[in-house]
C-alpha cells in the first residue's frame, strides 16, 4: 500500500511539474505585442493554459495529499501569477510603444507631404496629386506668386514674412472647394489643383483668390496686403504634370507683365486685369525711403 501511495504521489508530482512547466513556458513565450486593433482572443490562450494545467493537477491529486505537496502547488501558482503579471506589464509597455511609433509615423508622413509653415501640401505631394488627377478627371492648375513679398522680409523681418505666408495659405483654403488641393511650392509661390472643374470655374477661382487677398492682414500693427499674380492652365488631352505646371508658370509670368495683381489663363491673349495696388494698405511705405512703387518690384 505504501509503495502504491508513493507511486501515486510520484505520478502526481511528475504530472504537476510537466503541466506547470508547460503552462509557464507557454506564458513566457507568448507574443507580448498587442495587435493594432486591440487584444485578440488568442492572446489569452497562455493564461487559459495555466488554468487548465492547474485544474488538471488539482483533479489528479490523491485524497491523502501532504501539506508539503500543497506548498509546492502554491509555489507553482505564485510563479504562474508572477509570469502573468509580467505579461500584463509587457502588454502595457508595448501598447505605449506602439502608440508612440504611430505618432512618429504620422509626424514623418506629414513632414514628407506638407509644408511645415503653412500646413499646405508641399511640392512633392502636389506633384503626386496632379499626376493622380490627370489620370482620373479633368484638371486645372493655378500658380500663384506674391507680388512684392521680398519687401516685407526686407523691411519687417522674416517673422513678418512667415506670418504673411500663413495668412495667404488661410485665404487660399477659404477660396477653393474642399476637393481642391492648395500647396506651397516654395518661397512665396503657391499653387492650387482643381479637379473636375470646367474652364470658367477655374477662372472664377482665380478671381476669388485675388479678391480674398485684397483684405489686408495686420502684422505687427501694420496692415499688409498680399497682392499676387496668378497663372491658370487647363489640362488638355494627353497633358502631363510637367507641361501643365509649365503652362501655368508661363501664364503667371504673363500676368506679372500685364501689371501684377491679375490672373491670366494660358492660351488667352487678353487677361482680366484687376487694379494693381501697393502691397501695404493705404500706400504707406514700410520704412522711410521705400516708396509704394518700389514695394511692387
Protein backbone atom coordinates (compact mmCIF):
# COMPACT_ATOMS: atom_id res chain seq x y z
CA UNK A 1 0.00 0.00 0.00
CA UNK A 2 2.82 2.39 0.90
CA UNK A 3 4.52 1.65 -2.38
CA UNK A 4 1.25 2.23 -4.22
CA UNK A 5 0.64 5.56 -2.43
CA UNK A 6 4.22 6.61 -3.05
CA UNK A 7 3.82 5.71 -6.69
CA UNK A 8 0.66 7.78 -6.96
CA UNK A 9 2.35 10.71 -5.27
CA UNK A 10 5.30 10.44 -7.67
CA UNK A 11 2.91 10.31 -10.57
CA UNK A 12 1.07 13.39 -9.32
CA UNK A 13 4.33 15.28 -8.81
CA UNK A 14 5.54 14.32 -12.27
CA UNK A 15 2.21 15.39 -13.73
CA UNK A 16 2.36 18.65 -11.80
CA UNK A 17 5.87 19.52 -12.93
CA UNK A 18 5.07 18.67 -16.54
CA UNK A 19 1.82 20.61 -16.69
CA UNK A 20 3.17 23.51 -14.62
CA UNK A 21 6.31 23.78 -16.74
CA UNK A 22 4.26 23.67 -19.93
CA UNK A 23 1.98 26.42 -18.66
CA UNK A 24 4.84 28.66 -17.55
CA UNK A 25 6.72 28.18 -20.83
CA UNK A 26 3.55 28.94 -22.77
CA UNK A 27 3.12 32.23 -20.90
CA UNK A 28 6.77 33.25 -21.12
CA UNK A 29 6.92 32.70 -24.86
CA UNK A 30 3.55 34.23 -25.64
CA UNK A 31 3.87 37.14 -28.10
CA UNK A 32 3.87 40.26 -25.90
CA UNK A 33 2.93 42.72 -28.64
CA UNK A 34 -0.77 43.63 -28.78
CA UNK A 35 -2.11 43.95 -32.30
CA UNK A 36 -3.12 47.30 -33.72
CA UNK A 37 -6.84 46.71 -33.44
CA UNK A 38 -6.69 45.64 -29.77
CA UNK A 39 -6.02 42.44 -27.90
CA UNK A 40 -7.09 39.35 -29.83
CA UNK A 41 -8.76 36.37 -28.09
CA UNK A 42 -5.79 34.12 -28.81
CA UNK A 43 -3.55 36.41 -26.75
CA UNK A 44 -5.27 35.00 -23.65
CA UNK A 45 -4.52 31.38 -24.53
CA UNK A 46 -1.36 31.16 -22.36
CA UNK A 47 -3.35 32.18 -19.29
CA UNK A 48 -6.05 29.69 -20.17
CA UNK A 49 -3.40 27.01 -20.47
CA UNK A 50 -2.22 27.78 -16.94
CA UNK A 51 -5.72 27.48 -15.55
CA UNK A 52 -6.31 24.18 -17.34
CA UNK A 53 -2.94 22.85 -16.16
CA UNK A 54 -3.57 23.67 -12.53
CA UNK A 55 -7.14 22.40 -12.77
CA UNK A 56 -5.88 19.09 -14.12
CA UNK A 57 -3.30 18.97 -11.34
CA UNK A 58 -5.85 19.53 -8.58
CA UNK A 59 -8.20 16.90 -10.01
CA UNK A 60 -5.33 14.38 -10.17
CA UNK A 61 -4.21 14.87 -6.59
CA UNK A 62 -4.89 11.88 -4.30
CA UNK A 63 -7.16 12.32 -1.29
CA UNK A 64 -4.33 11.97 1.20
CA UNK A 65 -2.03 14.63 -0.16
CA UNK A 66 0.60 16.02 2.19
CA UNK A 67 0.96 19.72 3.17
CA UNK A 68 4.37 19.68 1.51
CA UNK A 69 2.83 18.90 -1.86
CA UNK A 70 0.30 21.68 -1.38
CA UNK A 71 3.19 24.02 -0.63
CA UNK A 72 4.73 23.07 -3.94
CA UNK A 73 1.40 23.67 -5.68
CA UNK A 74 1.11 27.09 -4.03
CA UNK A 75 4.67 27.94 -5.09
CA UNK A 76 3.95 26.99 -8.65
CA UNK A 77 0.78 29.06 -8.56
CA UNK A 78 2.77 32.07 -7.33
CA UNK A 79 5.27 31.61 -10.14
CA UNK A 80 2.43 31.48 -12.66
CA UNK A 81 0.89 34.64 -11.20
CA UNK A 82 4.22 36.48 -11.43
CA UNK A 83 4.67 35.40 -15.03
CA UNK A 84 1.13 36.52 -15.83
CA UNK A 85 1.81 39.88 -14.18
CA UNK A 86 4.97 40.21 -16.24
CA UNK A 87 2.95 39.61 -19.42
CA UNK A 88 0.36 42.21 -18.46
CA UNK A 89 3.10 44.77 -17.84
CA UNK A 90 4.66 43.86 -21.18
CA UNK A 91 1.31 44.37 -22.88
CA UNK A 92 1.01 47.85 -21.38
CA UNK A 93 4.58 48.83 -22.26
CA UNK A 94 4.25 47.61 -25.82
CA UNK A 95 0.90 49.36 -26.24
CA UNK A 96 2.51 52.66 -25.19
CA UNK A 97 5.47 51.99 -27.50
CA UNK A 98 3.21 51.26 -30.47
CA UNK A 99 1.24 54.45 -29.78
CA UNK A 100 4.47 56.46 -29.81
CA UNK A 101 5.57 54.78 -33.03
CA UNK A 102 2.22 55.61 -34.64
CA UNK A 103 2.56 59.25 -33.62
CA UNK A 104 6.09 59.37 -35.01
CA UNK A 105 4.93 57.73 -38.23
CA UNK A 106 2.17 60.32 -38.56
CA UNK A 107 4.63 63.18 -37.99
CA UNK A 108 7.07 61.81 -40.54
CA UNK A 109 4.29 61.34 -43.09
CA UNK A 110 3.14 64.91 -42.51
CA UNK A 111 6.66 66.28 -42.89
CA UNK A 112 7.05 64.36 -46.15
CA UNK A 113 3.79 65.64 -47.67
CA UNK A 114 3.00 69.04 -46.16
CA UNK A 115 4.69 72.40 -45.74
CA UNK A 116 5.82 72.93 -42.16
CA UNK A 117 4.93 76.65 -42.06
CA UNK A 118 1.55 76.85 -43.76
CA UNK A 119 0.25 73.28 -43.46
CA UNK A 120 -0.47 73.21 -47.20
CA UNK A 121 0.68 70.38 -49.44
CA UNK A 122 4.36 70.62 -50.37
CA UNK A 123 5.73 70.48 -53.92
CA UNK A 124 6.19 66.71 -53.94
CA UNK A 125 2.72 65.95 -52.63
CA UNK A 126 1.16 68.46 -55.00
CA UNK A 127 3.01 66.87 -57.93
CA UNK A 128 1.63 63.45 -56.95
CA UNK A 129 -1.89 64.84 -56.64
CA UNK A 130 -1.70 66.40 -60.10
CA UNK A 131 -0.49 63.12 -61.59
CA UNK A 132 -3.42 61.31 -59.98
CA UNK A 133 -5.92 63.96 -61.12
CA UNK A 134 -4.71 63.82 -64.74
CA UNK A 135 -5.28 60.07 -64.75
CA UNK A 136 -8.80 60.19 -63.33
CA UNK A 137 -10.51 63.52 -64.03
CA UNK A 138 -10.44 66.89 -65.73
CA UNK A 139 -7.85 69.07 -64.01
CA UNK A 140 -6.72 72.69 -63.88
CA UNK A 141 -3.76 74.23 -62.09
CA UNK A 142 -3.33 77.72 -60.69
CA UNK A 143 0.16 79.01 -59.92
CA UNK A 144 0.15 81.97 -57.53
CA UNK A 145 3.17 84.19 -56.96
CA UNK A 146 3.08 87.01 -54.41
CA UNK A 147 3.97 90.47 -55.69
CA UNK A 148 6.43 92.40 -53.54
CA UNK A 149 6.91 89.75 -50.89
CA UNK A 150 10.66 90.42 -50.69
CA UNK A 151 9.92 93.94 -49.47
CA UNK A 152 8.04 92.55 -46.47
CA UNK A 153 11.01 90.38 -45.49
CA UNK A 154 13.47 93.23 -46.04
CA UNK A 155 11.52 95.89 -44.14
CA UNK A 156 9.64 93.95 -41.45
CA UNK A 157 11.76 90.84 -40.98
CA UNK A 158 11.34 87.15 -41.73
CA UNK A 159 8.88 86.61 -38.89
CA UNK A 160 6.51 89.07 -40.55
CA UNK A 161 7.09 87.34 -43.87
CA UNK A 162 6.18 83.99 -42.32
CA UNK A 163 3.04 85.50 -40.82
CA UNK A 164 2.03 86.81 -44.24
CA UNK A 165 2.63 83.44 -45.89
CA UNK A 166 0.46 81.76 -43.25
CA UNK A 167 -2.29 84.32 -43.85
CA UNK A 168 -2.10 83.71 -47.61
CA UNK A 169 -2.46 79.97 -47.01
CA UNK A 170 -5.61 80.60 -44.96
CA UNK A 171 -7.06 82.81 -47.72
CA UNK A 172 -6.38 80.09 -50.29
CA UNK A 173 -8.18 77.48 -48.21
CA UNK A 174 -11.19 79.76 -47.93
CA UNK A 175 -11.33 80.47 -51.68
CA UNK A 176 -11.30 76.89 -53.02
CA UNK A 177 -13.51 73.83 -52.72
CA UNK A 178 -12.94 71.04 -50.21
CA UNK A 179 -11.91 68.66 -53.02
CA UNK A 180 -9.25 71.02 -54.36
CA UNK A 181 -5.62 70.92 -53.23
CA UNK A 182 -3.70 74.03 -52.21
CA UNK A 183 0.08 73.85 -51.98
CA UNK A 184 3.11 75.94 -51.19
CA UNK A 185 5.69 75.19 -53.85
CA UNK A 186 8.42 77.15 -52.09
CA UNK A 187 9.24 80.70 -51.01
CA UNK A 188 6.30 82.94 -51.91
CA UNK A 189 4.95 80.66 -54.66
CA UNK A 190 1.71 78.74 -54.18
CA UNK A 191 -0.42 76.51 -56.37
CA UNK A 192 -3.95 75.11 -56.46
CA UNK A 193 -5.15 71.92 -58.14
CA UNK A 194 -8.76 71.97 -59.32
CA UNK A 195 -10.27 68.59 -60.21
CA UNK A 196 -13.43 68.06 -62.25
CA UNK A 197 -13.53 71.81 -62.79
CA UNK A 198 -14.56 73.48 -66.10
CA UNK A 199 -12.57 76.39 -67.51
CA UNK A 200 -14.98 79.09 -66.35
CA UNK A 201 -14.92 77.75 -62.77
CA UNK A 202 -11.11 77.75 -62.79
CA UNK A 203 -11.18 81.40 -63.83
CA UNK A 204 -13.72 82.26 -61.14
CA UNK A 205 -11.49 80.54 -58.58
CA UNK A 206 -8.59 82.77 -59.62
CA UNK A 207 -10.83 85.81 -59.17
CA UNK A 208 -11.95 84.63 -55.72
CA UNK A 209 -8.35 84.19 -54.64
CA UNK A 210 -7.41 87.70 -55.77
CA UNK A 211 -10.47 89.11 -54.01
CA UNK A 212 -9.58 87.25 -50.80
CA UNK A 213 -6.05 88.62 -50.91
CA UNK A 214 -7.26 92.23 -51.17
CA UNK A 215 -8.24 92.16 -47.48
CA UNK A 216 -5.20 93.48 -45.54
CA UNK A 217 -3.58 91.34 -42.89
CA UNK A 218 -2.39 93.20 -39.80
CA UNK A 219 1.16 92.15 -39.00
CA UNK A 220 2.89 93.86 -36.08
CA UNK A 221 0.21 96.55 -36.23
CA UNK A 222 0.81 97.27 -39.93
CA UNK A 223 -1.93 96.44 -42.50
CA UNK A 224 -0.26 94.39 -45.23
CA UNK A 225 -2.00 93.23 -48.39
CA UNK A 226 -0.66 90.16 -50.18
CA UNK A 227 -1.04 91.13 -53.83
CA UNK A 228 -0.46 88.26 -56.24
CA UNK A 229 -0.21 87.27 -59.88
CA UNK A 230 -1.96 84.06 -60.92
CA UNK A 231 -1.44 81.80 -63.91
CA UNK A 232 -4.21 79.39 -64.91
CA UNK A 233 -3.67 76.29 -67.02
CA UNK A 234 -6.32 73.77 -68.05
CA UNK A 235 -5.15 70.26 -68.85
CA UNK A 236 -5.50 69.25 -72.47
CA UNK A 237 -5.84 65.71 -73.74
CA UNK A 238 -2.61 63.82 -73.16
CA UNK A 239 -1.14 66.53 -70.92
CA UNK A 240 1.34 65.54 -68.22
CA UNK A 241 2.15 67.20 -64.94
CA UNK A 242 5.29 68.87 -66.30
CA UNK A 243 3.58 70.54 -69.24
CA UNK A 244 0.58 71.60 -67.15
CA UNK A 245 2.72 73.29 -64.49
CA UNK A 246 4.89 74.87 -67.17
CA UNK A 247 1.83 76.40 -68.87
CA UNK A 248 0.57 77.73 -65.54
CA UNK A 249 4.01 79.24 -64.85
CA UNK A 250 4.07 80.94 -68.24
CA UNK A 251 0.60 82.35 -67.63
CA UNK A 252 1.64 83.62 -64.20
CA UNK A 253 4.65 85.47 -65.62
CA UNK A 254 2.40 86.86 -68.33
CA UNK A 255 0.09 88.20 -65.61
CA UNK A 256 3.07 89.91 -63.95
CA UNK A 257 3.99 91.57 -67.23
CA UNK A 258 0.39 92.76 -67.61
CA UNK A 259 0.71 94.77 -64.40
CA UNK A 260 0.64 92.33 -61.46
CA UNK A 261 -2.31 91.78 -59.17
CA UNK A 262 -4.02 89.95 -62.05
CA UNK A 263 -4.69 86.48 -63.40
CA UNK A 264 -4.10 85.11 -66.87
CA UNK A 265 -5.09 81.79 -68.41
CA UNK A 266 -2.62 80.08 -70.69
CA UNK A 267 -3.62 80.49 -74.33
CA UNK A 268 -5.73 83.62 -73.76
CA UNK A 269 -4.33 86.84 -75.20
CA UNK A 270 -6.31 89.36 -73.14
CA UNK A 271 -6.48 88.75 -69.39
CA UNK A 272 -8.93 90.22 -66.93
CA UNK A 273 -6.90 92.83 -65.07
CA UNK A 274 -7.60 93.91 -61.50
CA UNK A 275 -6.45 97.27 -60.19
CA UNK A 276 -2.85 96.91 -59.08
CA UNK A 277 -2.36 98.31 -55.57
CA UNK A 278 0.66 98.70 -53.32
CA UNK A 279 1.47 95.78 -51.04
CA UNK A 280 0.98 97.97 -47.99
CA UNK A 281 -2.59 99.10 -47.44
CA UNK A 282 -3.08 102.83 -47.90
CA UNK A 283 0.07 103.21 -49.97
CA UNK A 284 2.28 103.88 -46.96
CA UNK A 285 5.87 102.64 -47.20
CA UNK A 286 7.05 100.23 -44.54
CA UNK A 287 10.27 102.14 -43.90
CA UNK A 288 11.47 105.62 -44.70
CA UNK A 289 12.92 105.87 -48.20
CA UNK A 290 10.91 102.95 -49.65
CA UNK A 291 8.18 104.15 -52.00
CA UNK A 292 4.97 102.21 -52.75
CA UNK A 293 6.01 101.77 -56.36
CA UNK A 294 9.17 100.01 -55.15
CA UNK A 295 7.15 97.70 -52.96
CA UNK A 296 5.70 96.04 -56.08
CA UNK A 297 9.03 95.41 -57.78
